[in-house]
């Protein structure tokens, strides 16, 4: 197990390095000039050239990339002379727009995105599994067709449309919920959850629909396996057959998708955060892409890749718990 974990962690490091290199190269070939964005519209060409030198953009791209990667582990000095900036470990650079450390921007926004992702994940996992399980056990009935039609409609609705409809109905018309305004959990769990319930419902309505359909298909396939017939022939209760032998095996593909979805959302739900005005990593990503803020985009990309690869590692470890066949292999 130790060797396996070491190999997977080495693979994670390799994936992050490749993603960082690709993102760096994409920004290098773009026609936009980060120095001109950072300097402002009133700057002269000489001032833009000075800013470009201070930002290190006049150096070859391989030197810029090598300094960026080394700075994450050892820190680095950005610029020369009196205007030089000391960037401590982990150094992801400074934002071109506000000259703030990218690491500080990420850590300030991360609690919002984590709160949004974890709360929505609980809702969509519970709802999707329940609906999919009921539909699979009532396959071919009116209830099954109704649930699948509802999930298809929910999955087809864009996130921004669902968000606007929930705002219109639950906030403006019925006044059941407040307009989302992120509150830290330290101010009270009730205020924290109450202000995030609407974004949670928006994300959960999309993901729960997909998980319900996946659970139904996986359960139908699993319940037709020979070992399920053997379990029933032994006289086991139907509840035991469904939950212990059926659902447990059917969870394997669901766990895979869940790890990918949760890992991606931990680095920010761009559309949801933008619609509700939540100051999370997704909103930071939107602003950075719009303003061609390369250090912030690089930092967010690495953060998303780290969460997704880490989630995949966690999924592989969970496989051994939910499926004995993986443990024996």
C-alpha atoms as a PDB file:
ATOM      1  CA  UNK A   1       0.000   0.000   0.000  1.00  0.00           C
ATOM      2  CA  UNK A   2       2.866   2.391   0.786  1.00  0.00           C
ATOM      3  CA  UNK A   3       4.478   1.771  -2.597  1.00  0.00           C
ATOM      4  CA  UNK A   4       1.110   2.241  -4.278  1.00  0.00           C
ATOM      5  CA  UNK A   5       0.547   5.574  -2.546  1.00  0.00           C
ATOM      6  CA  UNK A   6       4.051   6.756  -3.431  1.00  0.00           C
ATOM      7  CA  UNK A   7       3.495   5.861  -7.091  1.00  0.00           C
ATOM      8  CA  UNK A   8       0.155   7.672  -7.154  1.00  0.00           C
ATOM      9  CA  UNK A   9       1.603  10.760  -5.468  1.00  0.00           C
ATOM     10  CA  UNK A  10       4.426  10.813  -8.021  1.00  0.00           C
ATOM     11  CA  UNK A  11       1.819  10.573 -10.768  1.00  0.00           C
ATOM     12  CA  UNK A  12      -0.091  13.479  -9.187  1.00  0.00           C
ATOM     13  CA  UNK A  13       3.067  15.601  -9.232  1.00  0.00           C
ATOM     14  CA  UNK A  14       3.660  14.723 -12.877  1.00  0.00           C
ATOM     15  CA  UNK A  15       0.097  15.624 -13.863  1.00  0.00           C
ATOM     16  CA  UNK A  16       0.317  18.961 -12.064  1.00  0.00           C
ATOM     17  CA  UNK A  17       3.616  19.758 -13.804  1.00  0.00           C
ATOM     18  CA  UNK A  18       2.165  18.971 -17.237  1.00  0.00           C
ATOM     19  CA  UNK A  19      -0.966  21.030 -16.583  1.00  0.00           C
ATOM     20  CA  UNK A  20       1.129  23.933 -15.364  1.00  0.00           C
ATOM     21  CA  UNK A  21       3.330  23.756 -18.481  1.00  0.00           C
ATOM     22  CA  UNK A  22       0.338  23.628 -20.851  1.00  0.00           C
ATOM     23  CA  UNK A  23      -1.385  26.561 -19.143  1.00  0.00           C
ATOM     24  CA  UNK A  24       1.842  28.538 -19.165  1.00  0.00           C
ATOM     25  CA  UNK A  25       2.330  27.849 -22.871  1.00  0.00           C
ATOM     26  CA  UNK A  26      -1.236  28.869 -23.706  1.00  0.00           C
ATOM     27  CA  UNK A  27      -0.756  32.266 -22.074  1.00  0.00           C
ATOM     28  CA  UNK A  28       2.604  32.679 -23.795  1.00  0.00           C
ATOM     29  CA  UNK A  29       1.083  32.329 -27.294  1.00  0.00           C
ATOM     30  CA  UNK A  30      -1.951  34.562 -26.603  1.00  0.00           C
ATOM     31  CA  UNK A  31      -1.857  37.946 -28.344  1.00  0.00           C
ATOM     32  CA  UNK A  32      -2.726  39.919 -25.189  1.00  0.00           C
ATOM     33  CA  UNK A  33       0.071  41.657 -23.253  1.00  0.00           C
ATOM     34  CA  UNK A  34      -0.165  41.209 -19.447  1.00  0.00           C
ATOM     35  CA  UNK A  35       2.203  44.128 -18.933  1.00  0.00           C
ATOM     36  CA  UNK A  36      -0.159  46.470 -20.788  1.00  0.00           C
ATOM     37  CA  UNK A  37      -3.099  45.216 -18.673  1.00  0.00           C
ATOM     38  CA  UNK A  38      -1.140  45.715 -15.452  1.00  0.00           C
ATOM     39  CA  UNK A  39       0.160  49.152 -16.406  1.00  0.00           C
ATOM     40  CA  UNK A  40      -3.145  50.597 -17.548  1.00  0.00           C
ATOM     41  CA  UNK A  41      -4.497  52.357 -20.636  1.00  0.00           C
ATOM     42  CA  UNK A  42      -2.654  55.634 -19.999  1.00  0.00           C
ATOM     43  CA  UNK A  43       0.839  54.109 -19.987  1.00  0.00           C
ATOM     44  CA  UNK A  44       3.329  54.966 -22.703  1.00  0.00           C
ATOM     45  CA  UNK A  45       5.192  52.214 -24.601  1.00  0.00           C
ATOM     46  CA  UNK A  46       8.291  52.960 -22.523  1.00  0.00           C
ATOM     47  CA  UNK A  47       6.344  52.483 -19.271  1.00  0.00           C
ATOM     48  CA  UNK A  48       4.837  49.222 -20.553  1.00  0.00           C
ATOM     49  CA  UNK A  49       8.334  47.985 -21.455  1.00  0.00           C
ATOM     50  CA  UNK A  50       9.539  48.844 -17.945  1.00  0.00           C
ATOM     51  CA  UNK A  51       6.637  46.975 -16.375  1.00  0.00           C
ATOM     52  CA  UNK A  52       7.305  44.010 -18.660  1.00  0.00           C
ATOM     53  CA  UNK A  53      10.908  43.903 -17.433  1.00  0.00           C
ATOM     54  CA  UNK A  54       9.861  44.156 -13.790  1.00  0.00           C
ATOM     55  CA  UNK A  55       7.401  41.297 -14.277  1.00  0.00           C
ATOM     56  CA  UNK A  56      10.063  39.172 -15.943  1.00  0.00           C
ATOM     57  CA  UNK A  57       8.096  38.850 -19.163  1.00  0.00           C
ATOM     58  CA  UNK A  58      11.093  39.805 -21.274  1.00  0.00           C
ATOM     59  CA  UNK A  59      12.902  36.586 -20.386  1.00  0.00           C
ATOM     60  CA  UNK A  60      12.597  33.359 -22.442  1.00  0.00           C
ATOM     61  CA  UNK A  61       9.493  31.341 -21.658  1.00  0.00           C
ATOM     62  CA  UNK A  62      11.465  28.377 -20.312  1.00  0.00           C
ATOM     63  CA  UNK A  63      13.183  30.644 -17.775  1.00  0.00           C
ATOM     64  CA  UNK A  64       9.834  32.089 -16.723  1.00  0.00           C
ATOM     65  CA  UNK A  65       8.364  28.591 -16.325  1.00  0.00           C
ATOM     66  CA  UNK A  66      11.375  27.260 -14.425  1.00  0.00           C
ATOM     67  CA  UNK A  67      11.323  30.216 -12.050  1.00  0.00           C
ATOM     68  CA  UNK A  68       7.591  29.800 -11.516  1.00  0.00           C
ATOM     69  CA  UNK A  69       7.844  26.094 -10.612  1.00  0.00           C
ATOM     70  CA  UNK A  70      10.881  26.627  -8.387  1.00  0.00           C
ATOM     71  CA  UNK A  71       9.162  29.514  -6.613  1.00  0.00           C
ATOM     72  CA  UNK A  72       6.328  27.266  -5.469  1.00  0.00           C
ATOM     73  CA  UNK A  73       8.789  25.271  -3.354  1.00  0.00           C
ATOM     74  CA  UNK A  74      11.516  27.788  -2.533  1.00  0.00           C
ATOM     75  CA  UNK A  75       9.991  31.221  -3.013  1.00  0.00           C
ATOM     76  CA  UNK A  76      11.452  33.839  -5.335  1.00  0.00           C
ATOM     77  CA  UNK A  77      12.130  37.526  -5.923  1.00  0.00           C
ATOM     78  CA  UNK A  78       9.980  39.201  -8.564  1.00  0.00           C
ATOM     79  CA  UNK A  79      11.500  42.159 -10.381  1.00  0.00           C
ATOM     80  CA  UNK A  80      14.732  44.036  -9.811  1.00  0.00           C
ATOM     81  CA  UNK A  81      15.895  47.057  -7.862  1.00  0.00           C
ATOM     82  CA  UNK A  82      13.732  49.020  -5.417  1.00  0.00           C
ATOM     83  CA  UNK A  83      10.524  47.680  -6.974  1.00  0.00           C
ATOM     84  CA  UNK A  84      11.466  44.031  -6.333  1.00  0.00           C
ATOM     85  CA  UNK A  85       8.921  41.926  -4.458  1.00  0.00           C
ATOM     86  CA  UNK A  86       9.767  39.016  -2.171  1.00  0.00           C
ATOM     87  CA  UNK A  87       7.330  36.143  -2.715  1.00  0.00           C
ATOM     88  CA  UNK A  88       7.357  33.593   0.110  1.00  0.00           C
ATOM     89  CA  UNK A  89       6.679  29.860  -0.148  1.00  0.00           C
ATOM     90  CA  UNK A  90       4.413  28.778  -1.781  1.00  0.00           C
ATOM     91  CA  UNK A  91       4.912  31.479  -4.398  1.00  0.00           C
ATOM     92  CA  UNK A  92       2.318  31.500  -7.186  1.00  0.00           C
ATOM     93  CA  UNK A  93       3.251  35.028  -8.175  1.00  0.00           C
ATOM     94  CA  UNK A  94       1.392  38.292  -7.776  1.00  0.00           C
ATOM     95  CA  UNK A  95      -1.827  39.309  -9.469  1.00  0.00           C
ATOM     96  CA  UNK A  96      -1.310  41.637 -12.405  1.00  0.00           C
ATOM     97  CA  UNK A  97      -4.423  43.599 -11.421  1.00  0.00           C
ATOM     98  CA  UNK A  98      -4.019  44.353  -7.713  1.00  0.00           C
ATOM     99  CA  UNK A  99      -0.418  43.250  -6.951  1.00  0.00           C
ATOM    100  CA  UNK A 100      -1.635  40.860  -4.234  1.00  0.00           C
ATOM    101  CA  UNK A 101      -0.064  37.401  -3.756  1.00  0.00           C
ATOM    102  CA  UNK A 102      -2.016  34.757  -5.680  1.00  0.00           C
ATOM    103  CA  UNK A 103      -1.730  32.338  -2.749  1.00  0.00           C
ATOM    104  CA  UNK A 104      -3.432  34.849  -0.447  1.00  0.00           C
ATOM    105  CA  UNK A 105      -6.201  35.413  -3.005  1.00  0.00           C
ATOM    106  CA  UNK A 106      -6.812  31.665  -3.273  1.00  0.00           C
ATOM    107  CA  UNK A 107      -6.827  31.003   0.465  1.00  0.00           C
ATOM    108  CA  UNK A 108      -9.190  33.941   1.060  1.00  0.00           C
ATOM    109  CA  UNK A 109     -11.686  32.652  -1.538  1.00  0.00           C
ATOM    110  CA  UNK A 110     -11.306  28.916  -0.922  1.00  0.00           C
ATOM    111  CA  UNK A 111     -13.625  28.641   2.156  1.00  0.00           C
ATOM    112  CA  UNK A 112     -16.533  29.947   0.070  1.00  0.00           C
ATOM    113  CA  UNK A 113     -16.016  27.402  -2.707  1.00  0.00           C
ATOM    114  CA  UNK A 114     -15.455  24.540  -0.244  1.00  0.00           C
ATOM    115  CA  UNK A 115     -18.658  25.425   1.619  1.00  0.00           C
ATOM    116  CA  UNK A 116     -20.579  25.574  -1.656  1.00  0.00           C
ATOM    117  CA  UNK A 117     -19.173  22.291  -2.994  1.00  0.00           C
ATOM    118  CA  UNK A 118     -19.560  20.211   0.185  1.00  0.00           C
ATOM    119  CA  UNK A 119     -23.113  21.366   0.923  1.00  0.00           C
ATOM    120  CA  UNK A 120     -24.257  20.779  -2.647  1.00  0.00           C
ATOM    121  CA  UNK A 121     -22.520  17.385  -2.717  1.00  0.00           C
ATOM    122  CA  UNK A 122     -24.479  16.183   0.324  1.00  0.00           C
ATOM    123  CA  UNK A 123     -27.768  17.211  -1.294  1.00  0.00           C
ATOM    124  CA  UNK A 124     -27.127  15.789  -4.743  1.00  0.00           C
ATOM    125  CA  UNK A 125     -25.627  12.527  -3.460  1.00  0.00           C
ATOM    126  CA  UNK A 126     -28.492  11.828  -1.068  1.00  0.00           C
ATOM    127  CA  UNK A 127     -31.172  12.898  -3.539  1.00  0.00           C
ATOM    128  CA  UNK A 128     -29.639  11.224  -6.569  1.00  0.00           C
ATOM    129  CA  UNK A 129     -29.039   7.887  -4.842  1.00  0.00           C
ATOM    130  CA  UNK A 130     -32.530   7.818  -3.344  1.00  0.00           C
ATOM    131  CA  UNK A 131     -34.306   8.648  -6.603  1.00  0.00           C
ATOM    132  CA  UNK A 132     -32.177   6.272  -8.648  1.00  0.00           C
ATOM    133  CA  UNK A 133     -32.638   3.420  -6.186  1.00  0.00           C
ATOM    134  CA  UNK A 134     -36.412   3.837  -6.085  1.00  0.00           C
ATOM    135  CA  UNK A 135     -36.609   4.043  -9.875  1.00  0.00           C
ATOM    136  CA  UNK A 136     -34.499   0.890 -10.287  1.00  0.00           C
ATOM    137  CA  UNK A 137     -36.581  -1.114  -7.821  1.00  0.00           C
ATOM    138  CA  UNK A 138     -39.802   0.074  -9.529  1.00  0.00           C
ATOM    139  CA  UNK A 139     -38.479  -0.393 -13.039  1.00  0.00           C
ATOM    140  CA  UNK A 140     -41.080  -0.001 -15.771  1.00  0.00           C
ATOM    141  CA  UNK A 141     -43.764   1.457 -13.510  1.00  0.00           C
ATOM    142  CA  UNK A 142     -45.378   4.882 -13.731  1.00  0.00           C
ATOM    143  CA  UNK A 143     -43.250   6.019 -10.796  1.00  0.00           C
ATOM    144  CA  UNK A 144     -40.081   5.014 -12.622  1.00  0.00           C
ATOM    145  CA  UNK A 145     -41.047   6.860 -15.800  1.00  0.00           C
ATOM    146  CA  UNK A 146     -42.126   9.950 -13.857  1.00  0.00           C
ATOM    147  CA  UNK A 147     -38.886  10.117 -11.886  1.00  0.00           C
ATOM    148  CA  UNK A 148     -36.758   9.687 -15.002  1.00  0.00           C
ATOM    149  CA  UNK A 149     -38.735  12.374 -16.846  1.00  0.00           C
ATOM    150  CA  UNK A 150     -38.201  14.744 -13.936  1.00  0.00           C
ATOM    151  CA  UNK A 151     -34.472  14.038 -13.816  1.00  0.00           C
ATOM    152  CA  UNK A 152     -34.187  14.564 -17.578  1.00  0.00           C
ATOM    153  CA  UNK A 153     -35.865  17.964 -17.280  1.00  0.00           C
ATOM    154  CA  UNK A 154     -33.644  18.923 -14.341  1.00  0.00           C
ATOM    155  CA  UNK A 155     -30.454  17.864 -16.099  1.00  0.00           C
ATOM    156  CA  UNK A 156     -31.444  19.747 -19.264  1.00  0.00           C
ATOM    157  CA  UNK A 157     -31.913  23.096 -17.513  1.00  0.00           C
ATOM    158  CA  UNK A 158     -28.776  25.305 -17.554  1.00  0.00           C
ATOM    159  CA  UNK A 159     -27.381  26.254 -14.160  1.00  0.00           C
ATOM    160  CA  UNK A 160     -27.988  29.968 -14.673  1.00  0.00           C
ATOM    161  CA  UNK A 161     -31.630  29.318 -15.624  1.00  0.00           C
ATOM    162  CA  UNK A 162     -32.230  27.188 -12.521  1.00  0.00           C
ATOM    163  CA  UNK A 163     -30.536  29.831 -10.368  1.00  0.00           C
ATOM    164  CA  UNK A 164     -32.683  32.647 -11.757  1.00  0.00           C
ATOM    165  CA  UNK A 165     -35.896  30.639 -11.342  1.00  0.00           C
ATOM    166  CA  UNK A 166     -35.081  29.774  -7.737  1.00  0.00           C
ATOM    167  CA  UNK A 167     -34.258  33.407  -7.020  1.00  0.00           C
ATOM    168  CA  UNK A 168     -37.521  34.542  -8.589  1.00  0.00           C
ATOM    169  CA  UNK A 169     -39.732  32.024  -6.808  1.00  0.00           C
ATOM    170  CA  UNK A 170     -38.118  31.396  -3.418  1.00  0.00           C
ATOM    171  CA  UNK A 171     -36.591  34.823  -2.777  1.00  0.00           C
ATOM    172  CA  UNK A 172     -38.682  37.435  -4.564  1.00  0.00           C
ATOM    173  CA  UNK A 173     -42.166  35.884  -4.779  1.00  0.00           C
ATOM    174  CA  UNK A 174     -42.484  33.590  -1.757  1.00  0.00           C
ATOM    175  CA  UNK A 175     -39.740  35.236   0.356  1.00  0.00           C
ATOM    176  CA  UNK A 176     -38.871  31.886   1.956  1.00  0.00           C
ATOM    177  CA  UNK A 177     -35.110  32.331   1.659  1.00  0.00           C
ATOM    178  CA  UNK A 178     -32.766  35.333   1.901  1.00  0.00           C
ATOM    179  CA  UNK A 179     -30.703  36.440  -1.058  1.00  0.00           C
ATOM    180  CA  UNK A 180     -27.401  34.512  -0.839  1.00  0.00           C
ATOM    181  CA  UNK A 181     -24.759  36.459   1.060  1.00  0.00           C
ATOM    182  CA  UNK A 182     -21.885  34.304   2.232  1.00  0.00           C
ATOM    183  CA  UNK A 183     -21.416  34.178   5.981  1.00  0.00           C
ATOM    184  CA  UNK A 184     -18.522  32.253   7.551  1.00  0.00           C
ATOM    185  CA  UNK A 185     -19.556  29.271   9.619  1.00  0.00           C
ATOM    186  CA  UNK A 186     -17.916  30.981  12.590  1.00  0.00           C
ATOM    187  CA  UNK A 187     -20.859  33.425  12.596  1.00  0.00           C
ATOM    188  CA  UNK A 188     -23.225  30.536  13.215  1.00  0.00           C
ATOM    189  CA  UNK A 189     -24.119  27.353  11.320  1.00  0.00           C
ATOM    190  CA  UNK A 190     -27.696  28.543  10.746  1.00  0.00           C
ATOM    191  CA  UNK A 191     -26.654  31.795   9.052  1.00  0.00           C
ATOM    192  CA  UNK A 192     -23.958  29.958   7.083  1.00  0.00           C
ATOM    193  CA  UNK A 193     -26.333  27.280   5.764  1.00  0.00           C
ATOM    194  CA  UNK A 194     -29.295  29.614   5.247  1.00  0.00           C
ATOM    195  CA  UNK A 195     -27.349  31.898   2.935  1.00  0.00           C
ATOM    196  CA  UNK A 196     -25.915  28.994   0.936  1.00  0.00           C
ATOM    197  CA  UNK A 197     -29.090  26.911   0.632  1.00  0.00           C
ATOM    198  CA  UNK A 198     -30.125  28.465  -2.673  1.00  0.00           C
ATOM    199  CA  UNK A 199     -26.742  27.881  -4.393  1.00  0.00           C
ATOM    200  CA  UNK A 200     -26.715  24.363  -2.949  1.00  0.00           C
ATOM    201  CA  UNK A 201     -30.128  23.672  -4.450  1.00  0.00           C
ATOM    202  CA  UNK A 202     -29.035  25.074  -7.810  1.00  0.00           C
ATOM    203  CA  UNK A 203     -26.022  22.795  -8.091  1.00  0.00           C
ATOM    204  CA  UNK A 204     -27.800  19.808  -6.550  1.00  0.00           C
ATOM    205  CA  UNK A 205     -30.684  19.987  -9.040  1.00  0.00           C
ATOM    206  CA  UNK A 206     -28.247  19.409 -11.903  1.00  0.00           C
ATOM    207  CA  UNK A 207     -25.965  16.825 -10.335  1.00  0.00           C
ATOM    208  CA  UNK A 208     -28.716  14.886  -8.531  1.00  0.00           C
ATOM    209  CA  UNK A 209     -30.500  14.325 -11.843  1.00  0.00           C
ATOM    210  CA  UNK A 210     -27.385  12.814 -13.419  1.00  0.00           C
ATOM    211  CA  UNK A 211     -26.627  10.710 -10.336  1.00  0.00           C
ATOM    212  CA  UNK A 212     -30.204   9.408 -10.240  1.00  0.00           C
ATOM    213  CA  UNK A 213     -29.995   8.170 -13.820  1.00  0.00           C
ATOM    214  CA  UNK A 214     -26.565   6.660 -13.242  1.00  0.00           C
ATOM    215  CA  UNK A 215     -27.708   4.945 -10.027  1.00  0.00           C
ATOM    216  CA  UNK A 216     -30.772   3.507 -11.739  1.00  0.00           C
ATOM    217  CA  UNK A 217     -28.757   2.067 -14.639  1.00  0.00           C
ATOM    218  CA  UNK A 218     -26.076   0.668 -12.340  1.00  0.00           C
ATOM    219  CA  UNK A 219     -28.606  -0.897  -9.952  1.00  0.00           C
ATOM    220  CA  UNK A 220     -30.581  -2.537 -12.766  1.00  0.00           C
ATOM    221  CA  UNK A 221     -27.388  -4.084 -14.127  1.00  0.00           C
ATOM    222  CA  UNK A 222     -26.200  -5.211 -10.681  1.00  0.00           C
ATOM    223  CA  UNK A 223     -29.526  -6.727  -9.629  1.00  0.00           C
ATOM    224  CA  UNK A 224     -29.391  -9.002 -12.691  1.00  0.00           C
ATOM    225  CA  UNK A 225     -26.062 -10.548 -11.638  1.00  0.00           C
ATOM    226  CA  UNK A 226     -25.938 -14.250 -10.659  1.00  0.00           C
ATOM    227  CA  UNK A 227     -24.715 -13.541  -7.121  1.00  0.00           C
ATOM    228  CA  UNK A 228     -27.896 -11.530  -6.467  1.00  0.00           C
ATOM    229  CA  UNK A 229     -29.993 -14.588  -7.389  1.00  0.00           C
ATOM    230  CA  UNK A 230     -27.781 -16.670  -5.123  1.00  0.00           C
ATOM    231  CA  UNK A 231     -28.314 -14.268  -2.230  1.00  0.00           C
ATOM    232  CA  UNK A 232     -32.080 -14.449  -2.712  1.00  0.00           C
ATOM    233  CA  UNK A 233     -31.943 -18.237  -2.961  1.00  0.00           C
ATOM    234  CA  UNK A 234     -30.245 -18.319   0.441  1.00  0.00           C
ATOM    235  CA  UNK A 235     -33.354 -16.719   1.918  1.00  0.00           C
ATOM    236  CA  UNK A 236     -31.853 -13.326   2.731  1.00  0.00           C
ATOM    237  CA  UNK A 237     -34.211 -10.443   3.317  1.00  0.00           C
ATOM    238  CA  UNK A 238     -34.806  -8.325   0.217  1.00  0.00           C
ATOM    239  CA  UNK A 239     -33.563  -5.254   2.070  1.00  0.00           C
ATOM    240  CA  UNK A 240     -30.255  -7.018   2.756  1.00  0.00           C
ATOM    241  CA  UNK A 241     -29.969  -8.161  -0.849  1.00  0.00           C
ATOM    242  CA  UNK A 242     -30.594  -4.636  -2.159  1.00  0.00           C
ATOM    243  CA  UNK A 243     -28.439  -2.642   0.250  1.00  0.00           C
ATOM    244  CA  UNK A 244     -25.560  -4.979   1.086  1.00  0.00           C
ATOM    245  CA  UNK A 245     -25.148  -6.887  -2.176  1.00  0.00           C
ATOM    246  CA  UNK A 246     -26.779  -4.685  -4.811  1.00  0.00           C
ATOM    247  CA  UNK A 247     -26.249  -1.052  -3.891  1.00  0.00           C
ATOM    248  CA  UNK A 248     -22.749  -1.613  -2.568  1.00  0.00           C
ATOM    249  CA  UNK A 249     -21.549  -2.998  -5.898  1.00  0.00           C
ATOM    250  CA  UNK A 250     -23.515  -0.441  -7.884  1.00  0.00           C
ATOM    251  CA  UNK A 251     -21.727   2.407  -6.101  1.00  0.00           C
ATOM    252  CA  UNK A 252     -18.427   1.822  -7.923  1.00  0.00           C
ATOM    253  CA  UNK A 253     -19.131   3.990 -11.016  1.00  0.00           C
ATOM    254  CA  UNK A 254     -20.949   6.542  -8.861  1.00  0.00           C
ATOM    255  CA  UNK A 255     -17.942   6.972  -6.578  1.00  0.00           C
ATOM    256  CA  UNK A 256     -15.750   7.562  -9.634  1.00  0.00           C
ATOM    257  CA  UNK A 257     -17.952  10.343 -10.971  1.00  0.00           C
ATOM    258  CA  UNK A 258     -18.449  11.808  -7.503  1.00  0.00           C
ATOM    259  CA  UNK A 259     -14.706  12.173  -6.989  1.00  0.00           C
ATOM    260  CA  UNK A 260     -14.311  14.015 -10.283  1.00  0.00           C
ATOM    261  CA  UNK A 261     -17.314  16.289  -9.680  1.00  0.00           C
ATOM    262  CA  UNK A 262     -16.419  17.165  -6.102  1.00  0.00           C
ATOM    263  CA  UNK A 263     -12.776  17.772  -6.968  1.00  0.00           C
ATOM    264  CA  UNK A 264     -13.753  20.154  -9.741  1.00  0.00           C
ATOM    265  CA  UNK A 265     -16.253  22.062  -7.618  1.00  0.00           C
ATOM    266  CA  UNK A 266     -13.793  22.502  -4.748  1.00  0.00           C
ATOM    267  CA  UNK A 267     -11.808  24.772  -7.048  1.00  0.00           C
ATOM    268  CA  UNK A 268     -14.877  26.894  -7.747  1.00  0.00           C
ATOM    269  CA  UNK A 269     -18.268  26.710  -9.446  1.00  0.00           C
ATOM    270  CA  UNK A 270     -17.763  29.591 -11.861  1.00  0.00           C
ATOM    271  CA  UNK A 271     -21.338  30.091 -13.123  1.00  0.00           C
ATOM    272  CA  UNK A 272     -23.057  29.530  -9.787  1.00  0.00           C
ATOM    273  CA  UNK A 273     -20.721  31.835  -7.879  1.00  0.00           C
ATOM    274  CA  UNK A 274     -21.034  34.507 -10.562  1.00  0.00           C
ATOM    275  CA  UNK A 275     -24.851  34.395 -10.653  1.00  0.00           C
ATOM    276  CA  UNK A 276     -25.211  34.578  -6.872  1.00  0.00           C
ATOM    277  CA  UNK A 277     -22.298  36.962  -6.375  1.00  0.00           C
ATOM    278  CA  UNK A 278     -20.412  34.622  -4.032  1.00  0.00           C
ATOM    279  CA  UNK A 279     -16.769  35.652  -3.467  1.00  0.00           C
ATOM    280  CA  UNK A 280     -15.327  32.216  -4.142  1.00  0.00           C
ATOM    281  CA  UNK A 281     -12.593  30.795  -6.330  1.00  0.00           C
ATOM    282  CA  UNK A 282     -15.029  30.538  -9.246  1.00  0.00           C
ATOM    283  CA  UNK A 283     -15.690  34.282  -9.193  1.00  0.00           C
ATOM    284  CA  UNK A 284     -11.948  34.899  -8.906  1.00  0.00           C
ATOM    285  CA  UNK A 285     -11.424  32.683 -11.974  1.00  0.00           C
ATOM    286  CA  UNK A 286     -14.034  34.588 -13.967  1.00  0.00           C
ATOM    287  CA  UNK A 287     -12.414  37.935 -13.197  1.00  0.00           C
ATOM    288  CA  UNK A 288      -8.889  36.647 -13.879  1.00  0.00           C
ATOM    289  CA  UNK A 289      -9.784  35.187 -17.294  1.00  0.00           C
ATOM    290  CA  UNK A 290     -11.642  38.351 -18.281  1.00  0.00           C
ATOM    291  CA  UNK A 291      -8.626  40.503 -17.353  1.00  0.00           C
ATOM    292  CA  UNK A 292      -5.951  38.058 -18.638  1.00  0.00           C
ATOM    293  CA  UNK A 293      -4.437  37.827 -15.158  1.00  0.00           C
ATOM    294  CA  UNK A 294      -1.988  35.001 -15.876  1.00  0.00           C
ATOM    295  CA  UNK A 295      -0.680  34.293 -12.340  1.00  0.00           C
ATOM    296  CA  UNK A 296      -4.206  33.985 -10.935  1.00  0.00           C
ATOM    297  CA  UNK A 297      -5.370  31.734 -13.777  1.00  0.00           C
ATOM    298  CA  UNK A 298      -2.306  29.543 -13.314  1.00  0.00           C
ATOM    299  CA  UNK A 299      -2.914  29.325  -9.573  1.00  0.00           C
ATOM    300  CA  UNK A 300      -6.579  28.417 -10.000  1.00  0.00           C
ATOM    301  CA  UNK A 301      -5.742  25.829 -12.675  1.00  0.00           C
ATOM    302  CA  UNK A 302      -3.188  24.140 -10.428  1.00  0.00           C
ATOM    303  CA  UNK A 303      -5.620  24.233  -7.513  1.00  0.00           C
ATOM    304  CA  UNK A 304      -8.354  22.570  -9.592  1.00  0.00           C
ATOM    305  CA  UNK A 305      -5.947  19.950 -10.917  1.00  0.00           C
ATOM    306  CA  UNK A 306      -4.690  19.230  -7.393  1.00  0.00           C
ATOM    307  CA  UNK A 307      -8.215  18.696  -6.050  1.00  0.00           C
ATOM    308  CA  UNK A 308      -9.245  16.480  -8.959  1.00  0.00           C
ATOM    309  CA  UNK A 309      -6.142  14.281  -8.819  1.00  0.00           C
ATOM    310  CA  UNK A 310      -6.409  14.053  -5.039  1.00  0.00           C
ATOM    311  CA  UNK A 311     -10.074  13.081  -5.359  1.00  0.00           C
ATOM    312  CA  UNK A 312      -9.145  10.353  -7.839  1.00  0.00           C
ATOM    313  CA  UNK A 313      -6.606   8.986  -5.373  1.00  0.00           C
ATOM    314  CA  UNK A 314      -9.278   8.963  -2.665  1.00  0.00           C
ATOM    315  CA  UNK A 315     -11.681   7.184  -5.023  1.00  0.00           C
ATOM    316  CA  UNK A 316      -9.175   4.400  -5.643  1.00  0.00           C
ATOM    317  CA  UNK A 317      -8.813   3.875  -1.904  1.00  0.00           C
ATOM    318  CA  UNK A 318     -12.580   3.864  -1.376  1.00  0.00           C
ATOM    319  CA  UNK A 319     -12.963   1.175  -4.044  1.00  0.00           C
ATOM    320  CA  UNK A 320     -11.325  -1.356  -1.745  1.00  0.00           C
ATOM    321  CA  UNK A 321     -13.909  -0.596   0.939  1.00  0.00           C
ATOM    322  CA  UNK A 322     -17.102  -0.781  -1.127  1.00  0.00           C
ATOM    323  CA  UNK A 323     -16.081  -3.590  -3.515  1.00  0.00           C
ATOM    324  CA  UNK A 324     -14.288  -6.660  -2.093  1.00  0.00           C
ATOM    325  CA  UNK A 325     -13.241  -7.712  -5.603  1.00  0.00           C
ATOM    326  CA  UNK A 326     -10.899  -4.720  -5.801  1.00  0.00           C
ATOM    327  CA  UNK A 327      -9.418  -5.544  -2.397  1.00  0.00           C
ATOM    328  CA  UNK A 328      -8.734  -9.130  -3.435  1.00  0.00           C
ATOM    329  CA  UNK A 329      -7.130  -7.972  -6.682  1.00  0.00           C
END
